Protein backbone atom coordinates (compact mmCIF):
# COMPACT_ATOMS: atom_id res chain seq x y z
CA MET A 1 -7.46 0.69 21.22
CA SER A 2 -7.81 -2.18 23.80
CA ALA A 3 -8.39 -5.43 22.60
CA ARG A 4 -11.68 -5.67 24.19
CA ARG A 5 -12.70 -2.67 22.26
CA THR A 6 -11.46 -3.85 18.81
CA ALA A 7 -13.33 -7.14 19.36
CA ALA A 8 -16.45 -5.53 19.85
CA LEU A 9 -15.97 -3.43 16.47
CA ALA A 10 -15.37 -6.77 14.69
CA LEU A 11 -18.30 -8.29 16.14
CA THR A 12 -20.71 -5.26 15.31
CA LEU A 13 -19.42 -4.98 11.94
CA ALA A 14 -19.91 -8.87 11.07
CA LEU A 15 -23.51 -8.70 12.68
CA SER A 16 -24.59 -5.97 10.25
CA LEU A 17 -24.01 -8.51 7.47
CA PRO A 18 -26.81 -10.21 6.30
CA SER A 19 -26.74 -13.90 7.73
CA ALA A 20 -26.32 -15.41 4.50
CA ALA A 21 -23.26 -13.67 4.06
CA LEU A 22 -21.77 -14.18 7.73
CA ALA A 23 -20.28 -17.36 7.17
CA GLN A 24 -17.96 -15.61 4.12
CA ALA A 25 -17.23 -12.05 6.14
CA PRO A 26 -14.07 -11.51 6.67
CA ARG A 27 -12.56 -10.57 9.96
CA VAL A 28 -12.62 -6.80 10.43
CA MET A 29 -10.73 -4.79 13.27
CA LEU A 30 -10.81 -1.05 12.92
CA ASP A 31 -8.71 2.04 14.24
CA ILE A 32 -5.83 0.09 15.67
CA PRO A 33 -2.78 2.90 16.29
CA TYR A 34 0.01 1.72 14.81
CA VAL A 35 2.37 4.14 16.58
CA GLN A 36 3.14 3.56 20.24
CA GLY A 37 1.42 6.55 21.97
CA SER A 38 -0.01 8.35 19.43
CA LEU A 39 -3.55 9.57 19.31
CA SER A 40 -3.99 10.47 15.69
CA PRO A 41 -6.71 9.05 13.80
CA ASN A 42 -4.20 9.60 10.90
CA GLN A 43 -1.73 7.20 12.75
CA THR A 44 -4.51 3.94 12.75
CA LEU A 45 -5.00 1.28 10.42
CA ASP A 46 -7.75 -1.22 10.00
CA LEU A 47 -7.64 -5.02 9.47
CA TYR A 48 -9.73 -7.35 6.88
CA LEU A 49 -8.50 -10.86 7.65
CA PRO A 50 -9.61 -13.90 5.85
CA ASP A 51 -11.01 -16.62 7.78
CA THR A 52 -8.74 -19.55 7.16
CA PRO A 53 -7.02 -21.83 9.46
CA THR A 54 -3.70 -21.65 6.96
CA ARG A 55 -1.42 -18.40 7.53
CA PHE A 56 -2.05 -16.13 5.01
CA PRO A 57 -0.34 -13.41 2.90
CA VAL A 58 -0.55 -9.76 4.00
CA VAL A 59 -1.01 -6.57 1.68
CA VAL A 60 -0.30 -3.17 3.62
CA VAL A 61 -2.88 -0.94 1.47
CA VAL A 62 -1.92 2.97 0.83
CA PHE A 63 -4.34 5.16 -0.65
CA GLY A 64 -3.62 7.66 -2.83
CA GLY A 65 -5.01 11.38 -3.01
CA GLY A 66 -2.09 13.67 -3.54
CA LEU A 67 -0.89 13.23 0.02
CA ARG A 68 -2.94 15.53 0.91
CA GLN A 69 -6.59 13.74 0.84
CA GLY A 70 -8.29 10.53 1.53
CA ASP A 71 -8.97 7.82 4.35
CA LYS A 72 -8.73 4.34 5.22
CA LYS A 73 -12.30 4.20 5.34
CA GLU A 74 -12.99 4.48 1.64
CA GLU A 75 -10.74 1.36 1.27
CA ALA A 76 -13.32 -0.84 2.84
CA ALA A 77 -14.41 -2.45 -0.08
CA ILE A 78 -10.89 -3.11 -1.38
CA GLY A 79 -9.84 -4.61 1.92
CA ARG A 80 -12.99 -6.76 2.18
CA ARG A 81 -12.36 -8.07 -1.46
CA LEU A 82 -8.72 -9.13 -0.89
CA ALA A 83 -9.47 -10.90 2.14
CA ALA A 84 -12.46 -12.64 0.58
CA ASP A 85 -9.52 -13.76 -1.95
CA GLY A 86 -7.79 -15.07 0.84
CA LEU A 87 -5.11 -12.16 1.23
CA GLY A 88 -4.77 -10.24 4.97
CA ALA A 89 -5.50 -6.33 4.26
CA VAL A 90 -3.94 -3.83 6.50
CA VAL A 91 -5.59 -0.95 5.26
CA ILE A 92 -4.00 2.59 6.72
CA ASN A 93 -4.54 6.23 7.40
CA TYR A 94 -1.38 8.20 7.25
CA ARG A 95 -0.89 11.93 7.92
CA LEU A 96 -1.08 14.46 5.39
CA SER A 97 -0.07 17.41 4.00
CA PRO A 98 -0.56 20.69 4.72
CA GLY A 99 -0.12 19.36 8.48
CA VAL A 100 2.68 17.88 7.42
CA GLU A 101 5.56 17.68 4.98
CA HIS A 102 7.69 15.25 3.35
CA PRO A 103 8.94 12.74 4.76
CA ALA A 104 6.27 12.25 7.18
CA HIS A 105 3.76 10.71 5.11
CA VAL A 106 6.39 7.71 4.08
CA GLN A 107 7.79 7.69 7.74
CA ASP A 108 4.01 6.60 8.79
CA LEU A 109 3.97 4.20 6.24
CA ALA A 110 7.19 2.61 7.16
CA ALA A 111 5.74 2.56 10.84
CA ALA A 112 2.38 0.86 9.79
CA ILE A 113 4.76 -1.94 7.71
CA ALA A 114 6.88 -2.17 11.28
CA TRP A 115 3.64 -2.91 12.72
CA THR A 116 2.56 -5.38 10.65
CA LYS A 117 5.75 -7.22 10.89
CA ARG A 118 5.45 -7.51 14.47
CA THR A 119 2.06 -7.82 15.12
CA ILE A 120 0.18 -9.58 12.06
CA GLY A 121 1.17 -13.23 13.14
CA GLU A 122 -0.96 -12.97 16.15
CA HIS A 123 -4.37 -12.60 13.84
CA GLY A 124 -3.09 -15.41 11.37
CA GLY A 125 -1.29 -13.60 8.70
CA ASP A 126 2.55 -14.42 7.86
CA PRO A 127 4.93 -11.58 8.38
CA ASP A 128 7.38 -12.61 6.17
CA ARG A 129 4.78 -12.56 3.16
CA THR A 130 4.07 -9.09 3.71
CA PHE A 131 3.58 -6.93 0.61
CA VAL A 132 2.74 -3.08 0.16
CA LEU A 133 0.00 -2.11 -2.58
CA GLY A 134 -0.50 1.80 -3.24
CA TRP A 135 -2.35 3.98 -5.61
CA SER A 136 -1.32 7.41 -7.15
CA ALA A 137 0.06 8.87 -4.23
CA GLY A 138 -0.12 5.61 -2.53
CA ALA A 139 2.09 3.91 -5.09
CA TYR A 140 4.80 6.51 -5.10
CA LEU A 141 4.93 6.00 -1.03
CA ALA A 142 4.99 2.21 -1.41
CA ALA A 143 7.53 2.56 -3.91
CA LEU A 144 9.83 5.01 -2.05
CA VAL A 145 9.42 3.06 1.18
CA ALA A 146 10.64 -0.13 -0.16
CA LEU A 147 13.87 1.30 -2.49
CA ASP A 148 15.08 4.12 -0.15
CA GLY A 149 16.09 2.05 3.09
CA GLN A 150 16.12 4.75 5.54
CA TYR A 151 12.66 4.54 6.70
CA LEU A 152 12.32 1.17 7.39
CA SER A 153 15.83 1.23 8.76
CA ALA A 154 14.34 3.39 11.58
CA HIS A 155 12.24 0.24 12.64
CA GLN A 156 15.31 -1.95 12.48
CA LEU A 157 13.97 -3.57 9.42
CA THR A 158 15.37 -3.42 5.44
CA PRO A 159 13.38 -3.16 2.07
CA ALA A 160 13.85 -7.12 2.47
CA ALA A 161 11.11 -7.02 4.91
CA LEU A 162 8.90 -6.76 1.94
CA ARG A 163 8.11 -9.68 -0.38
CA GLY A 164 6.75 -7.53 -3.09
CA VAL A 165 5.42 -3.97 -4.15
CA VAL A 166 2.68 -3.25 -6.43
CA PRO A 167 2.39 0.69 -7.25
CA ILE A 168 -0.86 1.42 -9.27
CA SER A 169 -0.72 4.70 -11.49
CA GLY A 170 1.79 6.13 -9.81
CA PHE A 171 4.72 8.75 -9.76
CA HIS A 172 8.04 8.13 -9.25
CA HIS A 173 10.15 11.31 -9.91
CA VAL A 174 8.87 14.32 -7.52
CA GLU A 175 10.86 16.82 -9.53
CA ARG A 176 8.33 16.42 -12.47
CA VAL A 177 5.16 16.85 -10.53
CA ALA A 178 6.34 19.07 -7.61
CA PRO A 179 6.48 22.37 -9.53
CA ASP A 180 2.93 22.19 -9.88
CA ARG A 181 1.82 21.11 -6.60
CA PRO A 182 1.50 22.95 -3.29
CA LYS A 183 4.74 23.63 -1.93
CA ASP A 184 3.87 22.51 1.65
CA THR A 185 4.09 18.64 0.33
CA TRP A 186 7.76 18.50 -0.71
CA GLY A 187 8.92 21.93 0.41
CA ALA A 188 9.94 24.94 -1.81
CA ASP A 189 13.53 23.95 -2.85
CA PRO A 190 13.89 22.08 -5.76
CA SER A 191 16.92 20.87 -5.26
CA THR A 192 15.71 18.83 -2.49
CA TRP A 193 13.06 17.19 -4.66
CA PRO A 194 14.92 14.23 -6.60
CA LYS A 195 16.06 13.10 -3.01
CA ALA A 196 12.27 12.57 -2.57
CA SER A 197 11.89 10.30 -5.53
CA SER A 198 11.46 7.17 -5.55
CA ALA A 199 13.29 6.22 -8.56
CA ALA A 200 16.33 7.93 -7.37
CA TYR A 201 17.03 4.60 -5.06
CA ALA A 202 16.68 2.07 -7.63
CA ARG A 203 19.03 -0.66 -6.86
CA LYS A 204 19.26 -4.53 -7.87
CA ASP A 205 18.28 -6.16 -4.33
CA ALA A 206 15.13 -4.30 -4.23
CA PRO A 207 11.90 -6.39 -3.86
CA PRO A 208 9.93 -7.86 -6.69
CA PHE A 209 7.99 -4.79 -8.19
CA LEU A 210 4.73 -5.27 -10.15
CA LEU A 211 3.81 -1.82 -11.64
CA LEU A 212 0.03 -1.41 -12.73
CA TYR A 213 -1.57 1.41 -14.91
CA ALA A 214 -4.35 2.25 -16.49
CA ASP A 215 -4.90 2.24 -20.49
CA GLY A 216 -6.89 5.61 -19.69
CA ASP A 217 -4.04 6.93 -17.60
CA ALA A 218 -2.41 10.10 -18.85
CA PRO A 219 0.44 9.62 -21.18
CA ASP A 220 2.65 11.02 -18.54
CA ARG A 221 1.50 8.56 -15.59
CA LYS A 222 2.25 5.74 -17.69
CA GLN A 223 5.39 6.95 -18.45
CA GLU A 224 6.27 7.29 -14.52
CA SER A 225 5.37 3.69 -14.30
CA ARG A 226 7.68 2.38 -17.31
CA ASP A 227 10.56 4.62 -16.10
CA LEU A 228 10.72 3.39 -12.66
CA ALA A 229 10.61 -0.20 -14.22
CA ALA A 230 13.48 0.85 -16.81
CA ALA A 231 15.36 2.33 -13.87
CA LEU A 232 14.97 -1.23 -12.00
CA THR A 233 16.29 -3.24 -14.63
CA ALA A 234 19.17 -0.89 -15.41
CA THR A 235 20.51 -1.95 -11.67
CA GLY A 236 20.17 -5.61 -12.79
CA HIS A 237 16.94 -6.34 -10.81
CA THR A 238 15.39 -9.24 -12.34
CA SER A 239 11.83 -9.04 -10.92
CA VAL A 240 9.80 -6.40 -12.31
CA ARG A 241 6.93 -6.46 -14.48
CA THR A 242 4.80 -3.81 -15.73
CA GLN A 243 1.06 -4.38 -16.67
CA GLU A 244 -1.27 -2.09 -18.25
CA ILE A 245 -5.26 -2.71 -17.51
CA SER A 246 -7.60 -2.31 -20.51
CA GLY A 247 -10.93 -0.35 -19.93
CA ARG A 248 -9.88 1.66 -16.67
CA ASN A 249 -8.99 5.17 -15.74
CA HIS A 250 -6.55 6.59 -13.26
CA THR A 251 -9.85 6.38 -10.40
CA THR A 252 -11.43 3.01 -11.96
CA ILE A 253 -8.24 1.21 -12.06
CA TRP A 254 -8.27 1.52 -8.11
CA ARG A 255 -11.74 1.29 -7.15
CA ASN A 256 -12.44 -1.80 -9.54
CA LEU A 257 -10.35 -3.76 -7.08
CA ALA A 258 -13.24 -4.19 -5.15
CA ASN A 259 -14.81 -6.30 -8.19
CA GLU A 260 -14.98 -9.87 -7.96
CA GLY A 261 -12.67 -11.05 -11.20
CA ASP A 262 -11.25 -7.63 -11.76
CA ALA A 263 -8.25 -7.79 -13.98
CA ALA A 264 -6.07 -5.58 -11.82
CA LEU A 265 -7.19 -7.65 -8.82
CA ALA A 266 -6.12 -10.90 -10.56
CA ALA A 267 -2.94 -9.61 -11.41
CA ILE A 268 -2.12 -8.30 -7.80
CA ALA A 269 -3.35 -12.13 -6.18
CA ALA A 270 -1.00 -13.90 -9.05
CA PHE A 271 1.84 -11.57 -8.04
CA VAL A 272 1.32 -12.18 -4.19
CA ARG A 273 0.69 -15.85 -4.41
CA GLY A 274 3.62 -16.69 -7.07
CA THR A 275 6.36 -14.23 -5.32
CA GLY A 276 5.02 -15.45 -1.78
CA THR A 277 6.46 -18.94 -2.27
CA ARG A 278 10.01 -18.11 -3.22
């Protein structure tokens, strides 16, 4: 998309807001390709940027949906809320199954992170304070890209390019969930599933982790977060924390991020700001 068209989209969105809200409206740029030469809408991202003179930390936002459904436009309210709180939001699409199988989903996330590191400085963000935030299947992708270095290495980056990771209500052991999922997501060979699991790559030098889950999450979903935290801690990793968010279920822990004063949002903002000053 040309810079002129991107700017026009941002202006159209801003003008559609009530005049009283215009001064606080984030800068919005939609449908930016993050893979050079790709025409796929599944390889595009939206920017929600705070209007601030200082360089701001940036959060790459990854939706859930079992790696089979979802769209970045459904996360606009979360992008706007993050921007209102002074954080840049890079809300991505990625290719979905059954159109692709693993590892295409995480390869797209790595490409979006690489785009952010290269480009976000042009929009006022600080590329050295890049975080990744994902929910459900998006949490799995966020953890995997931060732990299995092969995906970022394809872009001459390492997981150290990420200042921190926030997986929300994710799964981190594919071998536990794949038996009940369509076999065109991770393939039909069970021997390959552990290699697709983020927990398999836990290591001491991983970026800081904040693992959130809801009190209303299923017990196995809560255990996934606890088990990943334990695996990281067992390696000697010293910056990993879990937090249960009360009064939420698997869906509302994510959707309520769009609400001012939300507990999970406050935890994320504190993590980003605290980790971002190291």
